[in-house]
Amino acid sequence: GWCPLSLTGAQNTQLLLEPPWTPVVHWDRATLTCQGSGTPSDTTWYKDGQRWGPEGPDRLLITSSGTYRCHRHRTGLSAPVSVRVLNALLVLQVPARALLEGDTVTLRCRG
């Protein structure tokens, strides 16, 4: 999955996309998992800056494109994760993680 790096070494709330490929294919049933201190019931979800979905579970099924964040009581708000959802017959996907120049990248063709 994807996770932001913390320069301070402090524990942050993190969002992980599973499976870790983008764009998300609608029929893959991709999920975002919110990781941070506290219990799963401490999780609040946001999509495009608005509260989203049920409060409590630490896992969210992705059904539409948008920018997602989650908040955990002890570790705060996660970095935003932009997700594009496609309902196409053929999709070329890239890893859903930060890439640096010179990295070897595996592409995935789904159909």
Protein backbone atom coordinates (compact mmCIF):
# COMPACT_ATOMS: atom_id res chain seq x y z
CA GLY A 1 0.00 0.00 0.00
CA TRP A 2 0.84 3.67 0.03
CA CYS A 3 1.96 5.47 3.13
CA PRO A 4 3.29 8.99 3.69
CA LEU A 5 6.74 9.42 5.23
CA SER A 6 7.10 11.29 8.50
CA LEU A 7 10.16 13.52 8.71
CA THR A 8 9.77 14.00 12.47
CA GLY A 9 9.56 10.32 13.35
CA ALA A 10 6.27 10.91 15.15
CA GLN A 11 3.45 8.46 14.55
CA ASN A 12 0.96 9.78 12.00
CA THR A 13 -2.40 8.61 10.78
CA GLN A 14 -1.89 6.84 7.45
CA LEU A 15 -4.17 5.75 4.61
CA LEU A 16 -3.35 2.52 2.78
CA LEU A 17 -4.93 1.58 -0.56
CA GLU A 18 -5.54 -2.12 -1.24
CA PRO A 19 -4.91 -3.38 -3.86
CA PRO A 20 -2.13 -0.78 -4.21
CA TRP A 21 -2.74 0.18 -7.87
CA THR A 22 -4.10 3.31 -9.53
CA PRO A 23 -6.45 4.07 -11.13
CA VAL A 24 -8.78 1.89 -9.08
CA VAL A 25 -10.85 -0.55 -11.12
CA HIS A 26 -14.47 -0.56 -9.92
CA TRP A 27 -14.73 -4.35 -9.98
CA ASP A 28 -11.60 -4.81 -7.80
CA ARG A 29 -13.47 -3.74 -4.63
CA ALA A 30 -10.58 -1.53 -3.50
CA THR A 31 -10.45 -0.36 0.10
CA LEU A 32 -8.73 2.36 2.08
CA THR A 33 -7.53 1.40 5.54
CA CYS A 34 -6.94 4.06 8.19
CA GLN A 35 -4.02 3.29 10.48
CA GLY A 36 -3.22 5.20 13.64
CA SER A 37 -3.39 5.05 17.42
CA GLY A 38 -6.66 4.26 19.11
CA THR A 39 -9.44 1.87 18.23
CA PRO A 40 -11.16 1.53 14.83
CA SER A 41 -14.21 3.23 16.34
CA ASP A 42 -12.08 6.40 16.63
CA THR A 43 -12.00 6.75 12.81
CA THR A 44 -13.70 9.63 10.97
CA TRP A 45 -13.66 9.62 7.14
CA TYR A 46 -13.58 12.60 4.76
CA LYS A 47 -14.09 12.74 1.00
CA ASP A 48 -13.41 15.97 -0.91
CA GLY A 49 -13.30 17.88 2.38
CA GLN A 50 -16.68 16.63 3.68
CA ARG A 51 -17.43 13.98 6.30
CA TRP A 52 -18.04 10.72 4.48
CA GLY A 53 -19.47 7.31 5.27
CA PRO A 54 -20.16 5.76 8.62
CA GLU A 55 -18.05 6.88 11.55
CA GLY A 56 -16.15 4.09 13.22
CA PRO A 57 -14.79 1.42 10.88
CA ASP A 58 -11.13 1.72 9.94
CA ARG A 59 -11.74 0.34 6.43
CA LEU A 60 -13.72 2.03 3.64
CA LEU A 61 -14.82 0.44 0.34
CA ILE A 62 -14.00 2.85 -2.51
CA THR A 63 -16.91 3.26 -4.92
CA SER A 64 -16.28 6.73 -6.39
CA SER A 65 -13.40 9.01 -7.34
CA GLY A 66 -12.28 11.70 -4.92
CA THR A 67 -9.72 12.86 -2.39
CA TYR A 68 -9.96 10.86 0.83
CA ARG A 69 -8.63 11.48 4.34
CA CYS A 70 -9.22 9.89 7.70
CA HIS A 71 -8.85 11.12 11.26
CA ARG A 72 -7.84 9.08 14.29
CA HIS A 73 -8.28 10.60 17.74
CA ARG A 74 -4.68 10.20 18.92
CA THR A 75 -2.69 10.62 15.70
CA GLY A 76 -4.76 13.22 13.85
CA LEU A 77 -5.64 13.70 10.19
CA SER A 78 -4.00 11.64 7.45
CA ALA A 79 -2.41 13.07 4.34
CA PRO A 80 -4.90 13.24 1.45
CA VAL A 81 -5.07 10.35 -1.00
CA SER A 82 -6.57 11.05 -4.43
CA VAL A 83 -8.36 8.06 -5.89
CA ARG A 84 -9.69 7.76 -9.43
CA VAL A 85 -12.22 4.96 -9.96
CA LEU A 86 -12.80 3.61 -13.47
CA ASN A 87 -15.47 1.24 -14.70
CA ALA A 88 -13.74 0.33 -17.94
CA LEU A 89 -13.13 -2.91 -19.80
CA LEU A 90 -9.36 -2.33 -20.07
CA VAL A 91 -7.23 -0.28 -17.64
CA LEU A 92 -3.48 0.36 -17.41
CA GLN A 93 -2.48 0.70 -13.75
CA VAL A 94 0.62 1.99 -11.95
CA PRO A 95 1.68 1.40 -8.32
CA ALA A 96 -0.17 3.66 -5.88
CA ARG A 97 2.97 4.92 -4.16
CA ALA A 98 5.37 7.80 -4.55
CA LEU A 99 7.76 7.23 -7.46
CA LEU A 100 11.15 8.85 -7.90
CA GLU A 101 13.03 9.51 -11.13
CA GLY A 102 15.01 6.41 -12.04
CA ASP A 103 12.70 3.98 -10.21
CA THR A 104 11.84 0.76 -12.01
CA VAL A 105 8.07 0.66 -12.40
CA THR A 106 5.84 -2.33 -13.07
CA LEU A 107 2.69 -1.53 -15.03
CA ARG A 108 -0.41 -3.70 -14.82
CA CYS A 109 -2.93 -4.14 -17.62
CA ARG A 110 -6.35 -5.21 -16.34
CA GLY A 111 -9.24 -6.40 -18.41
